[in-house]
């Protein structure tokens, strides 16, 4: 065997194989990143494909490299042992989070943009990955929760169709119950809550515990609705001459014929003059939810375009002209929406934490 053959067999050939394998992996990664821009919800699929493809490429390199059969078998055995040990050691964390992420995707108990409670954590879902989910809290901060933690704990999801908003207040036995219930119902109606009702939660030693409830259909205004309800209760009870103080406090104060109520302020800011807090707090969650809605709209436009294409092929000449114009307008809408989705995806990806 000449020196050239040795060079080709032991150096040039393996280098070419390594370059081809890494080039294919690099090209596949670019392709998957491009596809993810139009389908950001499929990030888990991209990561799984890259992990499996990289493992297969590594095994292929070991087979292609000019090793002896004994050495190749030893390397493959060592790789199998390392892979088994890695899986065994990380089964409760890495692999567990990955499997939990796949489970959450298949169960579909919540979506991006939903309000969720997980133990003490509350916020809107702003991102979902293979190993974790991201929620935006009421402080506008981003909290990352491992998927394994999410699957091992109860998840409370606020329904899109509406949720109940409630407020509690304790008042003395000297105020008639019917009057209090009427005023609390009035406060709920002024807070734009539907179908309000009042429950008596507890008969205490010194006061009665009331809870007023109402249906909020626009769940995006959840925080503001609770604040409006509490404010309306204060204003209406004070305007009716009812103190929201404990009878124990009333019995021990050293004052005569004095009430503890705030007087109406004519200079108070009117509702609507400032931004709703949800617009500031849940900005990233809003963007993520809007992006998924745009994707659903684009998918619907694609189905309509396919239907029109089938109708054009079976239509008469006069109908074809009208249907073709409709199809052209539909495709222009698809192009504009696709450009918007790519732009919004890039903005959202810039705020997304690395996996």
Protein backbone atom coordinates (compact mmCIF):
# COMPACT_ATOMS: atom_id res chain seq x y z
CA UNK A 1 0.00 0.00 0.00
CA UNK A 2 1.44 3.33 -1.05
CA UNK A 3 1.68 6.45 1.10
CA UNK A 4 -1.12 8.02 -0.94
CA UNK A 5 -3.42 5.10 -0.18
CA UNK A 6 -2.57 5.36 3.51
CA UNK A 7 -3.31 9.08 3.41
CA UNK A 8 -6.65 8.49 1.71
CA UNK A 9 -7.68 5.64 3.99
CA UNK A 10 -6.57 6.98 7.36
CA UNK A 11 -6.77 10.74 7.04
CA UNK A 12 -8.60 12.15 4.04
CA UNK A 13 -11.52 9.67 4.07
CA UNK A 14 -12.37 10.14 7.76
CA UNK A 15 -12.05 13.92 7.45
CA UNK A 16 -14.45 13.94 4.51
CA UNK A 17 -16.90 11.75 6.43
CA UNK A 18 -16.75 14.01 9.47
CA UNK A 19 -17.20 17.12 7.32
CA UNK A 20 -20.20 15.60 5.51
CA UNK A 21 -21.88 14.54 8.75
CA UNK A 22 -21.39 17.91 10.45
CA UNK A 23 -22.47 19.71 7.28
CA UNK A 24 -25.69 17.68 7.20
CA UNK A 25 -26.35 18.42 10.87
CA UNK A 26 -25.72 22.13 10.31
CA UNK A 27 -28.01 22.21 7.28
CA UNK A 28 -30.72 20.31 9.15
CA UNK A 29 -30.49 22.78 12.03
CA UNK A 30 -30.87 25.74 9.65
CA UNK A 31 -33.86 24.08 7.97
CA UNK A 32 -35.57 23.36 11.28
CA UNK A 33 -34.95 26.94 12.49
CA UNK A 34 -36.52 28.27 9.28
CA UNK A 35 -39.55 26.01 9.70
CA UNK A 36 -39.89 27.04 13.34
CA UNK A 37 -40.26 30.69 12.34
CA UNK A 38 -43.58 29.85 10.69
CA UNK A 39 -44.46 27.20 13.31
CA UNK A 40 -43.06 28.46 16.66
CA UNK A 41 -45.27 26.05 18.58
CA UNK A 42 -43.18 23.13 17.19
CA UNK A 43 -39.97 23.94 19.05
CA UNK A 44 -40.19 20.63 20.91
CA UNK A 45 -40.27 18.70 17.63
CA UNK A 46 -37.16 20.54 16.39
CA UNK A 47 -35.20 19.77 19.54
CA UNK A 48 -36.19 16.11 19.54
CA UNK A 49 -35.24 15.73 15.87
CA UNK A 50 -31.83 17.34 16.45
CA UNK A 51 -31.07 15.14 19.48
CA UNK A 52 -32.01 11.91 17.70
CA UNK A 53 -30.25 12.90 14.46
CA UNK A 54 -27.05 13.82 16.31
CA UNK A 55 -27.01 10.46 18.09
CA UNK A 56 -27.53 8.59 14.81
CA UNK A 57 -24.79 10.66 13.14
CA UNK A 58 -22.35 9.84 15.95
CA UNK A 59 -23.01 6.12 15.58
CA UNK A 60 -22.65 6.44 11.80
CA UNK A 61 -19.26 8.12 12.16
CA UNK A 62 -18.01 5.32 14.39
CA UNK A 63 -19.07 2.79 11.77
CA UNK A 64 -17.49 4.73 8.87
CA UNK A 65 -14.16 5.57 10.48
CA UNK A 66 -11.30 3.16 9.66
CA UNK A 67 -11.23 1.28 12.95
CA UNK A 68 -10.67 -2.42 13.43
CA UNK A 69 -13.72 -4.52 14.19
CA UNK A 70 -12.54 -5.08 17.75
CA UNK A 71 -11.92 -1.39 18.41
CA UNK A 72 -15.17 -0.39 16.74
CA UNK A 73 -17.08 -2.86 18.90
CA UNK A 74 -15.41 -1.54 22.03
CA UNK A 75 -16.22 2.06 21.12
CA UNK A 76 -19.86 1.21 20.41
CA UNK A 77 -20.07 -0.71 23.67
CA UNK A 78 -18.58 2.24 25.55
CA UNK A 79 -21.02 4.61 23.85
CA UNK A 80 -23.93 2.37 24.82
CA UNK A 81 -22.75 2.26 28.44
CA UNK A 82 -22.35 6.05 28.55
CA UNK A 83 -25.77 6.57 26.98
CA UNK A 84 -27.40 4.14 29.41
CA UNK A 85 -25.69 5.76 32.40
CA UNK A 86 -26.71 9.23 31.20
CA UNK A 87 -30.30 8.19 30.79
CA UNK A 88 -30.33 6.47 34.18
CA UNK A 89 -28.76 9.41 36.02
CA UNK A 90 -30.88 12.08 34.36
CA UNK A 91 -34.14 10.16 34.23
CA UNK A 92 -35.64 12.28 37.00
CA UNK A 93 -34.53 15.61 35.54
CA UNK A 94 -33.47 15.92 31.91
CA UNK A 95 -35.37 13.00 30.43
CA UNK A 96 -38.21 13.41 32.89
CA UNK A 97 -38.74 17.05 31.87
CA UNK A 98 -38.57 16.13 28.19
CA UNK A 99 -41.19 13.38 28.56
CA UNK A 100 -43.32 15.69 30.70
CA UNK A 101 -43.11 18.34 27.98
CA UNK A 102 -44.36 15.86 25.37
CA UNK A 103 -47.15 14.81 27.75
CA UNK A 104 -48.28 18.43 28.29
CA UNK A 105 -48.37 19.00 24.54
CA UNK A 106 -50.53 15.94 23.99
CA UNK A 107 -52.89 16.58 26.92
CA UNK A 108 -53.36 20.25 25.91
CA UNK A 109 -54.67 21.28 29.32
CA UNK A 110 -53.55 24.87 28.70
CA UNK A 111 -52.29 27.02 25.85
CA UNK A 112 -49.99 29.98 25.41
CA UNK A 113 -51.72 33.07 26.79
CA UNK A 114 -53.86 31.24 29.36
CA UNK A 115 -54.00 32.30 33.01
CA UNK A 116 -52.84 29.43 35.22
CA UNK A 117 -52.27 28.69 38.90
CA UNK A 118 -49.57 26.16 39.85
CA UNK A 119 -49.34 25.99 43.63
CA UNK A 120 -48.36 29.53 44.65
CA UNK A 121 -47.42 30.58 41.11
CA UNK A 122 -49.95 32.61 39.11
CA UNK A 123 -49.60 34.24 35.71
CA UNK A 124 -50.15 33.94 31.97
CA UNK A 125 -48.30 31.36 29.90
CA UNK A 126 -45.78 33.22 27.74
CA UNK A 127 -43.71 30.30 26.41
CA UNK A 128 -43.57 26.51 26.22
CA UNK A 129 -40.43 24.46 25.61
CA UNK A 130 -39.21 20.89 25.70
CA UNK A 131 -37.99 21.14 29.29
CA UNK A 132 -39.98 23.98 30.85
CA UNK A 133 -42.84 26.43 30.56
CA UNK A 134 -42.58 30.17 31.12
CA UNK A 135 -45.26 32.25 32.82
CA UNK A 136 -45.46 36.01 33.18
CA UNK A 137 -46.50 36.94 36.71
CA UNK A 138 -48.59 39.85 37.97
CA UNK A 139 -45.30 41.69 38.63
CA UNK A 140 -44.47 41.44 34.89
CA UNK A 141 -41.57 39.11 35.71
CA UNK A 142 -40.92 35.85 33.88
CA UNK A 143 -40.90 32.61 35.89
CA UNK A 144 -39.60 29.35 34.42
CA UNK A 145 -41.14 26.13 35.73
CA UNK A 146 -39.78 22.67 34.79
CA UNK A 147 -42.29 20.51 32.95
CA UNK A 148 -41.84 17.77 35.55
CA UNK A 149 -42.91 20.22 38.26
CA UNK A 150 -45.98 21.19 36.22
CA UNK A 151 -47.08 17.58 35.72
CA UNK A 152 -46.54 16.70 39.40
CA UNK A 153 -48.67 19.57 40.73
CA UNK A 154 -52.30 20.58 40.20
CA UNK A 155 -52.73 23.14 37.44
CA UNK A 156 -55.70 25.51 37.59
CA UNK A 157 -56.51 27.09 34.23
CA UNK A 158 -58.76 30.14 33.86
CA UNK A 159 -61.32 29.34 31.16
CA UNK A 160 -61.57 31.57 28.10
CA UNK A 161 -65.35 31.60 28.37
CA UNK A 162 -65.20 33.40 31.71
CA UNK A 163 -64.34 33.04 35.38
CA UNK A 164 -65.84 33.99 38.71
CA UNK A 165 -64.47 37.10 40.43
CA UNK A 166 -65.19 37.47 44.13
CA UNK A 167 -64.50 39.81 47.05
CA UNK A 168 -64.93 39.27 50.79
CA UNK A 169 -66.07 41.76 53.39
CA UNK A 170 -66.95 41.43 57.10
CA UNK A 171 -69.69 43.64 58.51
CA UNK A 172 -71.43 43.89 61.88
CA UNK A 173 -74.68 42.26 62.94
CA UNK A 174 -76.26 45.70 63.37
CA UNK A 175 -76.57 46.16 59.59
CA UNK A 176 -79.54 44.32 57.97
CA UNK A 177 -78.49 41.39 55.84
CA UNK A 178 -80.86 42.19 52.96
CA UNK A 179 -79.48 45.72 52.72
CA UNK A 180 -75.89 44.50 52.58
CA UNK A 181 -76.68 41.92 49.90
CA UNK A 182 -78.43 44.54 47.77
CA UNK A 183 -75.46 46.91 48.01
CA UNK A 184 -72.94 44.15 47.23
CA UNK A 185 -74.93 43.10 44.17
CA UNK A 186 -74.98 46.73 43.03
CA UNK A 187 -71.18 46.91 43.43
CA UNK A 188 -70.74 43.77 41.31
CA UNK A 189 -72.95 45.17 38.54
CA UNK A 190 -71.08 48.48 38.52
CA UNK A 191 -67.87 46.46 38.13
CA UNK A 192 -69.19 44.97 34.84
CA UNK A 193 -69.68 41.50 36.33
CA UNK A 194 -72.52 39.33 35.05
CA UNK A 195 -74.99 37.26 37.09
CA UNK A 196 -73.75 38.41 40.53
CA UNK A 197 -74.74 36.66 43.75
CA UNK A 198 -73.84 36.91 47.45
CA UNK A 199 -72.92 34.13 49.88
CA UNK A 200 -72.76 34.37 53.66
CA UNK A 201 -69.50 32.54 54.37
CA UNK A 202 -69.31 32.65 58.16
CA UNK A 203 -71.14 33.92 61.23
CA UNK A 204 -68.34 35.20 63.43
CA UNK A 205 -68.43 36.32 67.04
CA UNK A 206 -68.35 39.99 66.10
CA UNK A 207 -69.17 40.18 62.37
CA UNK A 208 -70.71 38.41 59.41
CA UNK A 209 -68.43 37.33 56.54
CA UNK A 210 -70.00 38.09 53.14
CA UNK A 211 -68.67 37.11 49.70
CA UNK A 212 -69.95 38.69 46.48
CA UNK A 213 -69.33 36.83 43.21
CA UNK A 214 -69.81 37.69 39.55
CA UNK A 215 -68.96 36.30 36.14
CA UNK A 216 -66.14 38.00 34.23
CA UNK A 217 -66.29 37.16 30.52
CA UNK A 218 -63.17 39.07 29.48
CA UNK A 219 -60.60 37.07 31.46
CA UNK A 220 -57.76 39.27 30.23
CA UNK A 221 -59.05 41.92 32.65
CA UNK A 222 -58.87 39.58 35.64
CA UNK A 223 -56.63 41.73 37.83
CA UNK A 224 -58.45 44.96 37.02
CA UNK A 225 -61.85 43.36 37.61
CA UNK A 226 -60.88 42.31 41.14
CA UNK A 227 -59.57 45.77 41.91
CA UNK A 228 -62.70 47.44 40.48
CA UNK A 229 -64.95 45.18 42.54
CA UNK A 230 -63.11 45.98 45.79
CA UNK A 231 -63.21 49.69 44.99
CA UNK A 232 -66.91 49.59 44.15
CA UNK A 233 -67.69 47.83 47.44
CA UNK A 234 -65.85 50.52 49.41
CA UNK A 235 -67.58 53.37 47.58
CA UNK A 236 -71.11 51.95 47.70
CA UNK A 237 -70.98 50.89 51.34
CA UNK A 238 -69.57 54.25 52.41
CA UNK A 239 -72.15 56.14 50.37
CA UNK A 240 -74.85 54.09 52.12
CA UNK A 241 -73.41 55.08 55.51
CA UNK A 242 -72.05 51.61 56.37
CA UNK A 243 -68.63 51.44 58.01
CA UNK A 244 -66.31 48.64 56.95
CA UNK A 245 -64.72 48.27 60.38
CA UNK A 246 -64.81 45.59 63.02
CA UNK A 247 -67.39 45.97 65.79
CA UNK A 248 -64.56 45.20 68.21
CA UNK A 249 -62.81 48.31 66.91
CA UNK A 250 -66.04 50.29 67.27
CA UNK A 251 -66.44 49.21 70.88
CA UNK A 252 -62.93 50.24 71.93
CA UNK A 253 -62.42 53.55 70.12
CA UNK A 254 -62.32 56.62 72.32
CA UNK A 255 -64.35 58.95 70.10
CA UNK A 256 -67.90 60.19 70.17
CA UNK A 257 -70.29 60.07 67.23
CA UNK A 258 -67.47 59.84 64.72
CA UNK A 259 -67.47 57.60 61.69
CA UNK A 260 -64.50 56.18 59.81
CA UNK A 261 -65.42 56.52 56.14
CA UNK A 262 -63.67 58.21 53.25
CA UNK A 263 -65.60 61.05 51.66
CA UNK A 264 -66.18 60.93 47.87
CA UNK A 265 -63.37 62.66 45.98
CA UNK A 266 -64.55 64.63 42.95
CA UNK A 267 -60.98 64.96 41.69
CA UNK A 268 -60.38 61.21 41.49
CA UNK A 269 -59.17 59.91 38.15
CA UNK A 270 -61.89 58.56 35.93
CA UNK A 271 -61.78 55.02 34.63
CA UNK A 272 -60.24 54.70 31.19
CA UNK A 273 -57.83 57.64 31.54
CA UNK A 274 -54.91 55.29 32.16
CA UNK A 275 -53.84 51.99 30.65
CA UNK A 276 -55.23 48.80 32.09
CA UNK A 277 -52.56 47.07 34.21
CA UNK A 278 -52.91 43.86 32.17
CA UNK A 279 -51.60 45.68 29.09
CA UNK A 280 -48.34 46.37 30.93
CA UNK A 281 -48.03 43.27 33.11
CA UNK A 282 -48.76 40.51 30.59
CA UNK A 283 -47.20 42.05 27.46
CA UNK A 284 -45.12 39.01 26.45
CA UNK A 285 -47.96 36.58 27.15
CA UNK A 286 -50.23 38.72 24.93
CA UNK A 287 -47.69 38.58 22.10
CA UNK A 288 -47.34 34.81 22.41
CA UNK A 289 -51.10 34.28 22.44
CA UNK A 290 -51.58 36.62 19.46
CA UNK A 291 -48.94 34.71 17.53
CA UNK A 292 -50.79 31.42 18.02
CA UNK A 293 -54.05 33.06 16.93
CA UNK A 294 -52.33 34.34 13.78
CA UNK A 295 -51.05 30.84 13.08
CA UNK A 296 -54.54 29.41 13.41
CA UNK A 297 -55.87 32.11 11.05
CA UNK A 298 -53.14 31.34 8.51
CA UNK A 299 -54.00 27.65 8.63
CA UNK A 300 -57.65 28.50 7.97
CA UNK A 301 -56.68 30.69 5.00
CA UNK A 302 -54.60 27.85 3.57
CA UNK A 303 -57.58 25.50 3.79
CA UNK A 304 -59.81 28.07 2.08
CA UNK A 305 -57.23 28.46 -0.70
CA UNK A 306 -57.15 24.69 -1.26
CA UNK A 307 -60.95 24.60 -1.42
CA UNK A 308 -61.04 27.47 -3.94
CA UNK A 309 -58.38 25.75 -6.04
CA UNK A 310 -60.51 22.62 -6.23
CA UNK A 311 -63.60 24.67 -7.14
CA UNK A 312 -61.74 26.52 -9.91
CA UNK A 313 -60.73 23.30 -11.64
CA UNK A 314 -64.38 22.16 -11.76
CA UNK A 315 -66.01 25.55 -12.51
CA UNK A 316 -67.12 27.08 -15.78
CA UNK A 317 -65.14 29.82 -17.54
CA UNK A 318 -67.24 32.65 -16.07
CA UNK A 319 -67.04 31.25 -12.58
CA UNK A 320 -63.32 30.61 -12.94
CA UNK A 321 -62.59 34.33 -13.39
CA UNK A 322 -64.45 35.27 -10.20
CA UNK A 323 -62.99 32.41 -8.21
CA UNK A 324 -59.49 33.24 -9.46
CA UNK A 325 -59.85 36.83 -8.24
CA UNK A 326 -61.00 35.55 -4.86
CA UNK A 327 -58.03 33.18 -4.74
CA UNK A 328 -55.60 36.00 -5.56
CA UNK A 329 -56.99 38.14 -2.74
CA UNK A 330 -56.77 35.18 -0.40
CA UNK A 331 -53.13 34.55 -1.30
CA UNK A 332 -52.26 38.21 -0.73
CA UNK A 333 -53.80 37.95 2.74
CA UNK A 334 -51.72 34.83 3.34
CA UNK A 335 -48.54 36.63 2.31
CA UNK A 336 -49.24 39.62 4.56
CA UNK A 337 -50.12 37.37 7.48
CA UNK A 338 -47.03 35.20 6.94
CA UNK A 339 -44.79 38.27 6.97
CA UNK A 340 -46.46 39.46 10.17
CA UNK A 341 -45.98 36.04 11.78
CA UNK A 342 -42.27 35.96 10.87
CA UNK A 343 -41.81 39.48 12.26
CA UNK A 344 -43.66 38.71 15.51
CA UNK A 345 -41.80 35.40 15.89
CA UNK A 346 -38.44 37.14 15.63
CA UNK A 347 -39.49 39.68 18.28
CA UNK A 348 -40.72 36.92 20.58
CA UNK A 349 -37.61 34.80 20.03
CA UNK A 350 -35.45 37.75 21.07
CA UNK A 351 -37.15 37.63 24.50
CA UNK A 352 -37.12 33.83 24.78
CA UNK A 353 -34.69 32.25 27.25
CA UNK A 354 -32.23 29.73 25.89
CA UNK A 355 -33.05 26.04 26.37
